[in-house]
């Protein structure tokens, strides 16, 4: 296993925001979006916006689609398409 793969495999989700900030170049924004979706996965839609900012399943689906498009673009840039 490569060093970077090892780090990714054992890194707690709580550190992802900081790592995204270090990488920068919009990665931090999409890392935050992924973390919000992770919260949604564990807390379900939250109509009171207490545990998760995703108010509906539809808003979560929208965010997932945006995130998948960005990941697809990044993979194409790196030659993985």
Protein backbone atom coordinates (compact mmCIF):
# COMPACT_ATOMS: atom_id res chain seq x y z
CA UNK A 1 0.00 0.00 0.00
CA UNK A 2 1.36 3.41 -0.96
CA UNK A 3 1.93 5.98 1.78
CA UNK A 4 -0.88 8.25 0.67
CA UNK A 5 -3.31 5.31 0.47
CA UNK A 6 -2.38 4.33 4.02
CA UNK A 7 -3.05 7.84 5.28
CA UNK A 8 -6.42 7.95 3.55
CA UNK A 9 -7.36 4.53 4.93
CA UNK A 10 -6.70 5.41 8.57
CA UNK A 11 -7.48 9.14 8.64
CA UNK A 12 -10.47 9.98 10.82
CA UNK A 13 -13.26 11.92 9.11
CA UNK A 14 -12.74 14.71 11.65
CA UNK A 15 -9.42 15.57 9.98
CA UNK A 16 -10.73 15.70 6.42
CA UNK A 17 -11.69 19.36 6.68
CA UNK A 18 -8.16 20.34 7.72
CA UNK A 19 -6.59 18.22 4.98
CA UNK A 20 -8.91 19.78 2.39
CA UNK A 21 -7.82 23.23 3.56
CA UNK A 22 -4.16 22.29 3.13
CA UNK A 23 -4.77 20.96 -0.38
CA UNK A 24 -6.88 24.01 -1.28
CA UNK A 25 -7.86 24.68 -4.91
CA UNK A 26 -11.59 24.18 -4.21
CA UNK A 27 -10.92 20.78 -2.65
CA UNK A 28 -11.73 22.27 0.74
CA UNK A 29 -15.19 23.35 -0.45
CA UNK A 30 -16.01 19.91 -1.81
CA UNK A 31 -14.56 18.24 1.26
CA UNK A 32 -16.97 20.26 3.37
CA UNK A 33 -19.84 19.22 1.12
CA UNK A 34 -18.82 15.57 1.47
CA UNK A 35 -18.69 15.94 5.25
CA UNK A 36 -22.18 17.46 5.28
CA UNK A 37 -23.44 14.50 3.26
CA UNK A 38 -21.69 12.16 5.70
CA UNK A 39 -23.60 13.86 8.50
CA UNK A 40 -26.82 13.48 6.52
CA UNK A 41 -26.12 9.75 6.12
CA UNK A 42 -26.00 9.33 9.88
CA UNK A 43 -28.75 11.78 10.89
CA UNK A 44 -31.25 11.62 7.99
CA UNK A 45 -33.09 14.74 6.79
CA UNK A 46 -33.33 17.32 9.54
CA UNK A 47 -36.35 19.60 9.09
CA UNK A 48 -35.20 21.73 12.03
CA UNK A 49 -31.61 22.08 10.75
CA UNK A 50 -30.17 21.01 14.10
CA UNK A 51 -28.12 17.91 13.30
CA UNK A 52 -27.69 18.25 9.56
CA UNK A 53 -28.10 21.14 7.11
CA UNK A 54 -29.80 18.87 4.54
CA UNK A 55 -33.45 19.73 5.09
CA UNK A 56 -34.85 17.23 2.59
CA UNK A 57 -33.84 14.14 0.69
CA UNK A 58 -34.02 16.24 -2.48
CA UNK A 59 -31.42 18.71 -1.23
CA UNK A 60 -29.12 15.83 -0.31
CA UNK A 61 -29.56 14.30 -3.77
CA UNK A 62 -28.69 17.63 -5.37
CA UNK A 63 -25.50 17.89 -3.30
CA UNK A 64 -24.56 14.30 -4.16
CA UNK A 65 -24.95 15.00 -7.88
CA UNK A 66 -22.78 18.14 -7.60
CA UNK A 67 -20.11 16.22 -5.71
CA UNK A 68 -20.12 13.35 -8.21
CA UNK A 69 -19.73 15.78 -11.12
CA UNK A 70 -16.74 17.40 -9.44
CA UNK A 71 -15.13 14.05 -8.67
CA UNK A 72 -15.68 13.00 -12.29
CA UNK A 73 -14.03 16.21 -13.54
CA UNK A 74 -11.06 15.74 -11.21
CA UNK A 75 -10.62 12.14 -12.36
CA UNK A 76 -10.70 13.22 -16.00
CA UNK A 77 -8.06 15.88 -15.29
CA UNK A 78 -5.84 13.20 -13.78
CA UNK A 79 -6.40 10.83 -16.73
CA UNK A 80 -8.66 8.31 -14.97
CA UNK A 81 -11.67 8.57 -17.27
